């Protein structure tokens, strides 16, 4: 029987995927950066800096450009945790649908088996 104990990876999957994308090696192709640094920078600029007031956005952007790698990762992981938290209600509904479909399938299977046993006797 399937339960939330077996479905827990569904709840953390977006965070793991985004962390993996941010950890990819950065490669320069035709003058454009692809990989983890580009993903982290896009998230920083479009999800955080773009939503701040002008002077705070400028300070954060300059701090991100001058900060060490570890600080950039901490900001990125905070963004990932927030996105995963925002997706939790949707993921919970998806898990409930999976559980209900699995229970319905198991119930139907049991009814079919009972019907086959009664018809043969």
N, C-alpha and C. Protein backbone atom coordinates (compact mmCIF):
# COMPACT_ATOMS: atom_id res chain seq x y z
N UNK A 1 0.84 -1.18 0.00
CA UNK A 1 0.00 0.00 0.00
C UNK A 1 0.89 1.24 0.00
N UNK A 2 0.56 2.17 -0.83
CA UNK A 2 1.32 3.42 -0.94
C UNK A 2 0.85 4.39 0.15
N UNK A 3 1.78 5.16 0.70
CA UNK A 3 1.43 6.12 1.75
C UNK A 3 2.32 7.34 1.61
N UNK A 4 2.12 8.31 2.50
CA UNK A 4 2.94 9.51 2.47
C UNK A 4 4.39 9.20 2.79
N UNK A 5 4.63 8.09 3.49
CA UNK A 5 6.01 7.71 3.79
C UNK A 5 6.76 7.42 2.49
N UNK A 6 6.08 6.84 1.49
CA UNK A 6 6.73 6.56 0.22
C UNK A 6 6.65 7.74 -0.75
N UNK A 7 5.77 8.71 -0.49
CA UNK A 7 5.60 9.86 -1.37
C UNK A 7 6.36 11.11 -0.92
N UNK A 8 7.10 11.04 0.17
CA UNK A 8 7.77 12.25 0.67
C UNK A 8 8.72 12.87 -0.34
N UNK A 9 9.38 12.10 -1.22
CA UNK A 9 10.26 12.76 -2.20
C UNK A 9 9.51 13.72 -3.13
N UNK A 10 8.23 13.50 -3.32
CA UNK A 10 7.42 14.40 -4.15
C UNK A 10 7.42 15.82 -3.56
N UNK A 11 7.44 15.93 -2.25
CA UNK A 11 7.38 17.23 -1.60
C UNK A 11 8.67 18.03 -1.70
N UNK A 12 9.80 17.36 -1.85
CA UNK A 12 11.09 18.05 -1.92
C UNK A 12 11.68 18.06 -3.33
N UNK A 13 11.00 17.47 -4.28
CA UNK A 13 11.54 17.36 -5.63
C UNK A 13 11.87 18.71 -6.28
N UNK A 14 11.00 19.74 -6.22
CA UNK A 14 11.38 21.02 -6.85
C UNK A 14 12.65 21.62 -6.25
N UNK A 15 12.79 21.52 -4.94
CA UNK A 15 13.99 22.04 -4.29
C UNK A 15 15.24 21.29 -4.71
N UNK A 16 15.13 19.98 -4.83
CA UNK A 16 16.29 19.19 -5.26
C UNK A 16 16.65 19.47 -6.71
N UNK A 17 15.65 19.64 -7.56
CA UNK A 17 15.92 19.93 -8.97
C UNK A 17 16.58 21.30 -9.11
N UNK A 18 16.04 22.30 -8.41
CA UNK A 18 16.63 23.64 -8.50
C UNK A 18 18.04 23.68 -7.91
N UNK A 19 18.27 22.95 -6.82
CA UNK A 19 19.60 22.90 -6.25
C UNK A 19 20.57 22.23 -7.22
N UNK A 20 20.10 21.17 -7.88
CA UNK A 20 20.94 20.51 -8.88
C UNK A 20 21.25 21.41 -10.05
N UNK A 21 20.26 22.17 -10.51
CA UNK A 21 20.51 23.11 -11.62
C UNK A 21 21.51 24.18 -11.22
N UNK A 22 21.42 24.65 -9.99
CA UNK A 22 22.35 25.67 -9.51
C UNK A 22 23.75 25.12 -9.30
N UNK A 23 23.89 23.81 -9.15
CA UNK A 23 25.19 23.21 -8.89
C UNK A 23 25.90 22.75 -10.16
N UNK A 24 25.22 22.87 -11.31
CA UNK A 24 25.86 22.45 -12.56
C UNK A 24 27.11 23.27 -12.84
N UNK A 25 28.03 22.66 -13.53
CA UNK A 25 29.24 23.38 -13.93
C UNK A 25 28.87 24.46 -14.95
N UNK A 26 29.52 25.59 -14.85
CA UNK A 26 29.23 26.70 -15.75
C UNK A 26 30.15 26.61 -16.97
N UNK A 27 29.54 26.70 -18.16
CA UNK A 27 30.27 26.60 -19.41
C UNK A 27 29.96 27.83 -20.25
N UNK A 28 30.98 28.36 -20.93
CA UNK A 28 30.78 29.52 -21.80
C UNK A 28 30.68 29.03 -23.24
N UNK A 29 29.52 29.30 -23.88
CA UNK A 29 29.28 28.88 -25.25
C UNK A 29 28.91 30.12 -26.07
N UNK A 30 29.72 30.45 -27.07
CA UNK A 30 29.49 31.59 -27.95
C UNK A 30 29.26 32.89 -27.16
N UNK A 31 30.02 33.07 -26.11
CA UNK A 31 29.93 34.30 -25.33
C UNK A 31 28.83 34.32 -24.29
N UNK A 32 28.06 33.25 -24.17
CA UNK A 32 26.99 33.18 -23.17
C UNK A 32 27.32 32.11 -22.14
N UNK A 33 27.00 32.41 -20.88
CA UNK A 33 27.23 31.44 -19.82
C UNK A 33 26.04 30.51 -19.67
N UNK A 34 26.30 29.22 -19.60
CA UNK A 34 25.28 28.22 -19.34
C UNK A 34 25.73 27.38 -18.15
N UNK A 35 24.78 27.00 -17.32
CA UNK A 35 25.10 26.17 -16.16
C UNK A 35 24.65 26.82 -14.87
N UNK A 36 25.25 26.38 -13.78
CA UNK A 36 24.82 26.77 -12.45
C UNK A 36 24.91 28.25 -12.15
N UNK A 37 26.00 28.89 -12.56
CA UNK A 37 26.15 30.32 -12.27
C UNK A 37 25.06 31.13 -12.96
N UNK A 38 24.73 30.76 -14.18
CA UNK A 38 23.68 31.49 -14.91
C UNK A 38 22.32 31.30 -14.23
N UNK A 39 22.05 30.10 -13.76
CA UNK A 39 20.78 29.82 -13.08
C UNK A 39 20.70 30.60 -11.78
N UNK A 40 21.77 30.57 -11.01
CA UNK A 40 21.79 31.30 -9.74
C UNK A 40 21.65 32.80 -9.96
N UNK A 41 22.35 33.33 -10.95
CA UNK A 41 22.28 34.76 -11.22
C UNK A 41 20.90 35.16 -11.71
N UNK A 42 20.29 34.34 -12.56
CA UNK A 42 18.95 34.65 -13.05
C UNK A 42 17.96 34.69 -11.89
N UNK A 43 18.04 33.70 -11.00
CA UNK A 43 17.13 33.66 -9.84
C UNK A 43 17.36 34.88 -8.94
N UNK A 44 18.62 35.22 -8.72
CA UNK A 44 18.92 36.38 -7.88
C UNK A 44 18.35 37.65 -8.48
N UNK A 45 18.58 37.85 -9.76
CA UNK A 45 18.18 39.11 -10.39
C UNK A 45 16.68 39.19 -10.64
N UNK A 46 16.07 38.12 -11.10
CA UNK A 46 14.67 38.18 -11.50
C UNK A 46 13.69 37.88 -10.37
N UNK A 47 14.12 37.14 -9.39
CA UNK A 47 13.19 36.77 -8.32
C UNK A 47 13.38 37.60 -7.05
N UNK A 48 14.56 38.19 -6.88
CA UNK A 48 14.80 38.96 -5.66
C UNK A 48 15.00 40.44 -5.98
N UNK A 49 16.02 40.71 -6.76
CA UNK A 49 16.40 42.11 -7.02
C UNK A 49 15.27 42.86 -7.74
N UNK A 50 14.59 42.21 -8.66
CA UNK A 50 13.53 42.88 -9.42
C UNK A 50 12.33 43.27 -8.54
N UNK A 51 12.18 42.62 -7.40
CA UNK A 51 11.03 42.89 -6.53
C UNK A 51 11.35 43.81 -5.35
N UNK A 52 12.54 44.36 -5.33
CA UNK A 52 12.94 45.26 -4.25
C UNK A 52 12.86 46.71 -4.71
N UNK A 53 12.77 47.64 -3.76
CA UNK A 53 12.85 49.06 -4.13
C UNK A 53 14.21 49.35 -4.79
N UNK A 54 14.28 50.42 -5.53
CA UNK A 54 15.45 50.70 -6.37
C UNK A 54 16.76 50.75 -5.59
N UNK A 55 16.80 51.50 -4.49
CA UNK A 55 18.07 51.61 -3.76
C UNK A 55 18.46 50.29 -3.10
N UNK A 56 17.49 49.55 -2.57
CA UNK A 56 17.80 48.26 -1.97
C UNK A 56 18.22 47.26 -3.03
N UNK A 57 17.60 47.32 -4.21
CA UNK A 57 17.97 46.42 -5.31
C UNK A 57 19.40 46.68 -5.75
N UNK A 58 19.78 47.94 -5.84
CA UNK A 58 21.15 48.27 -6.23
C UNK A 58 22.17 47.79 -5.22
N UNK A 59 21.85 47.98 -3.93
CA UNK A 59 22.78 47.52 -2.89
C UNK A 59 22.92 46.00 -2.91
N UNK A 60 21.78 45.29 -3.05
CA UNK A 60 21.84 43.82 -3.06
C UNK A 60 22.58 43.33 -4.30
N UNK A 61 22.35 43.94 -5.43
CA UNK A 61 23.03 43.51 -6.65
C UNK A 61 24.54 43.72 -6.54
N UNK A 62 24.96 44.86 -6.01
CA UNK A 62 26.40 45.09 -5.85
C UNK A 62 26.98 44.15 -4.80
N UNK A 63 26.23 43.88 -3.75
CA UNK A 63 26.71 42.93 -2.74
C UNK A 63 26.86 41.54 -3.34
N UNK A 64 25.89 41.11 -4.16
CA UNK A 64 25.97 39.79 -4.78
C UNK A 64 27.17 39.69 -5.73
N UNK A 65 27.46 40.77 -6.43
CA UNK A 65 28.59 40.76 -7.36
C UNK A 65 29.93 40.71 -6.64
N UNK A 66 30.00 41.28 -5.43
CA UNK A 66 31.25 41.34 -4.69
C UNK A 66 31.38 40.24 -3.63
N UNK A 67 30.29 39.53 -3.36
CA UNK A 67 30.32 38.54 -2.27
C UNK A 67 31.00 37.25 -2.70
N UNK A 68 31.51 36.51 -1.72
CA UNK A 68 32.14 35.23 -2.04
C UNK A 68 31.10 34.21 -2.50
N UNK A 69 31.59 33.15 -3.08
CA UNK A 69 30.76 32.08 -3.65
C UNK A 69 29.78 31.51 -2.62
N UNK A 70 30.23 31.34 -1.39
CA UNK A 70 29.38 30.76 -0.34
C UNK A 70 28.17 31.65 -0.06
N UNK A 71 28.36 32.95 -0.03
CA UNK A 71 27.24 33.86 0.22
C UNK A 71 26.25 33.84 -0.93
N UNK A 72 26.75 33.74 -2.15
CA UNK A 72 25.86 33.63 -3.31
C UNK A 72 25.02 32.35 -3.22
N UNK A 73 25.65 31.28 -2.77
CA UNK A 73 24.93 30.01 -2.62
C UNK A 73 23.87 30.10 -1.52
N UNK A 74 24.18 30.79 -0.44
CA UNK A 74 23.21 30.93 0.65
C UNK A 74 21.98 31.69 0.16
N UNK A 75 22.18 32.76 -0.59
CA UNK A 75 21.05 33.52 -1.14
C UNK A 75 20.25 32.63 -2.08
N UNK A 76 20.94 31.87 -2.94
CA UNK A 76 20.26 30.98 -3.88
C UNK A 76 19.46 29.90 -3.14
N UNK A 77 20.02 29.32 -2.10
CA UNK A 77 19.32 28.28 -1.34
C UNK A 77 18.10 28.84 -0.61
N UNK A 78 18.17 30.10 -0.19
CA UNK A 78 17.00 30.74 0.42
C UNK A 78 15.89 30.89 -0.62
N UNK A 79 16.26 31.28 -1.83
CA UNK A 79 15.28 31.38 -2.92
C UNK A 79 14.66 30.01 -3.21
N UNK A 80 15.50 28.98 -3.28
CA UNK A 80 15.02 27.61 -3.56
C UNK A 80 14.06 27.16 -2.46
N UNK A 81 14.40 27.42 -1.21
CA UNK A 81 13.53 27.01 -0.10
C UNK A 81 12.18 27.73 -0.17
N UNK A 82 12.19 29.00 -0.53
CA UNK A 82 10.94 29.75 -0.65
C UNK A 82 10.09 29.22 -1.80
N UNK A 83 10.69 28.93 -2.93
CA UNK A 83 9.93 28.40 -4.07
C UNK A 83 9.34 27.04 -3.71
N UNK A 84 10.14 26.18 -3.07
CA UNK A 84 9.64 24.87 -2.68
C UNK A 84 8.49 25.00 -1.68
N UNK A 85 8.60 25.95 -0.76
CA UNK A 85 7.53 26.17 0.21
C UNK A 85 6.25 26.67 -0.47
N UNK A 86 6.40 27.54 -1.45
CA UNK A 86 5.23 28.03 -2.18
C UNK A 86 4.56 26.91 -2.99
N UNK A 87 5.33 25.92 -3.42
CA UNK A 87 4.77 24.82 -4.21
C UNK A 87 4.20 23.69 -3.34
N UNK A 88 4.42 23.73 -2.04
CA UNK A 88 3.95 22.64 -1.18
C UNK A 88 2.45 22.37 -1.25
N UNK A 89 1.58 23.38 -1.25
CA UNK A 89 0.14 23.07 -1.37
C UNK A 89 -0.19 22.32 -2.66
N UNK A 90 0.41 22.74 -3.77
CA UNK A 90 0.18 22.06 -5.04
C UNK A 90 0.72 20.63 -5.00
N UNK A 91 1.88 20.44 -4.41
CA UNK A 91 2.47 19.10 -4.31
C UNK A 91 1.65 18.21 -3.38
N UNK A 92 1.09 18.80 -2.32
CA UNK A 92 0.24 18.03 -1.42
C UNK A 92 -1.01 17.54 -2.15
N UNK A 93 -1.63 18.41 -2.94
CA UNK A 93 -2.81 18.01 -3.71
C UNK A 93 -2.44 16.91 -4.70
N UNK A 94 -1.29 17.03 -5.36
CA UNK A 94 -0.85 15.99 -6.29
C UNK A 94 -0.64 14.67 -5.55
N UNK A 95 -0.07 14.72 -4.37
CA UNK A 95 0.12 13.50 -3.58
C UNK A 95 -1.19 12.88 -3.16
N UNK A 96 -2.15 13.70 -2.77
CA UNK A 96 -3.48 13.19 -2.40
C UNK A 96 -4.15 12.52 -3.60
N UNK A 97 -4.02 13.11 -4.77
CA UNK A 97 -4.60 12.51 -5.98
C UNK A 97 -3.95 11.16 -6.25
N UNK A 98 -2.64 11.09 -6.13
CA UNK A 98 -1.94 9.82 -6.33
C UNK A 98 -2.41 8.78 -5.33
N UNK A 99 -2.52 9.16 -4.06
CA UNK A 99 -2.97 8.22 -3.03
C UNK A 99 -4.39 7.74 -3.28
N UNK A 100 -5.29 8.65 -3.64
CA UNK A 100 -6.68 8.26 -3.89
C UNK A 100 -6.80 7.36 -5.11
N UNK A 101 -6.05 7.67 -6.18
CA UNK A 101 -6.08 6.79 -7.36
C UNK A 101 -5.53 5.41 -7.04
N UNK A 102 -4.49 5.37 -6.25
CA UNK A 102 -3.92 4.07 -5.87
C UNK A 102 -4.90 3.28 -5.02
N UNK A 103 -5.55 3.95 -4.06
CA UNK A 103 -6.55 3.25 -3.23
C UNK A 103 -7.73 2.77 -4.07
N UNK A 104 -8.17 3.61 -5.01
CA UNK A 104 -9.29 3.22 -5.88
C UNK A 104 -8.89 2.01 -6.72
N UNK A 105 -7.68 2.00 -7.26
CA UNK A 105 -7.22 0.86 -8.04
C UNK A 105 -7.12 -0.41 -7.21
N UNK A 106 -6.63 -0.30 -6.00
CA UNK A 106 -6.52 -1.47 -5.12
C UNK A 106 -7.91 -1.99 -4.75
N UNK A 107 -8.86 -1.08 -4.49
CA UNK A 107 -10.22 -1.48 -4.16
C UNK A 107 -10.88 -2.19 -5.34
N UNK A 108 -10.72 -1.64 -6.54
CA UNK A 108 -11.28 -2.27 -7.74
C UNK A 108 -10.67 -3.65 -7.98
N UNK A 109 -9.38 -3.76 -7.78
CA UNK A 109 -8.70 -5.04 -7.96
C UNK A 109 -9.24 -6.07 -6.98
N UNK A 110 -9.45 -5.67 -5.73
CA UNK A 110 -9.99 -6.57 -4.73
C UNK A 110 -11.42 -6.98 -5.08
N UNK A 111 -12.23 -6.03 -5.56
CA UNK A 111 -13.61 -6.36 -5.97
C UNK A 111 -13.61 -7.33 -7.13
N UNK A 112 -12.72 -7.15 -8.09
CA UNK A 112 -12.66 -8.06 -9.23
C UNK A 112 -12.22 -9.46 -8.80
N UNK A 113 -11.28 -9.51 -7.88
CA UNK A 113 -10.82 -10.82 -7.38
C UNK A 113 -11.94 -11.52 -6.61
N UNK A 114 -12.68 -10.77 -5.80
CA UNK A 114 -13.80 -11.37 -5.05
C UNK A 114 -14.88 -11.84 -6.00
N UNK A 115 -15.15 -11.05 -7.04
CA UNK A 115 -16.17 -11.44 -8.04
C UNK A 115 -15.75 -12.70 -8.80
N UNK A 116 -14.45 -12.80 -9.09
CA UNK A 116 -13.99 -13.98 -9.83
C UNK A 116 -14.03 -15.21 -8.94
N UNK A 117 -13.75 -15.07 -7.66
CA UNK A 117 -13.80 -16.21 -6.75
C UNK A 117 -15.24 -16.69 -6.55
N UNK A 118 -16.20 -15.77 -6.46
CA UNK A 118 -17.60 -16.13 -6.25
C UNK A 118 -18.22 -16.74 -7.49
N UNK A 119 -17.83 -16.31 -8.67
CA UNK A 119 -18.41 -16.82 -9.91
C UNK A 119 -17.92 -18.22 -10.23
N UNK A 120 -16.74 -18.56 -9.80
CA UNK A 120 -16.17 -19.86 -10.14
C UNK A 120 -16.67 -20.96 -9.24
N UNK A 121 -17.26 -20.65 -8.10
CA UNK A 121 -17.60 -21.65 -7.10
C UNK A 121 -18.89 -22.23 -7.30
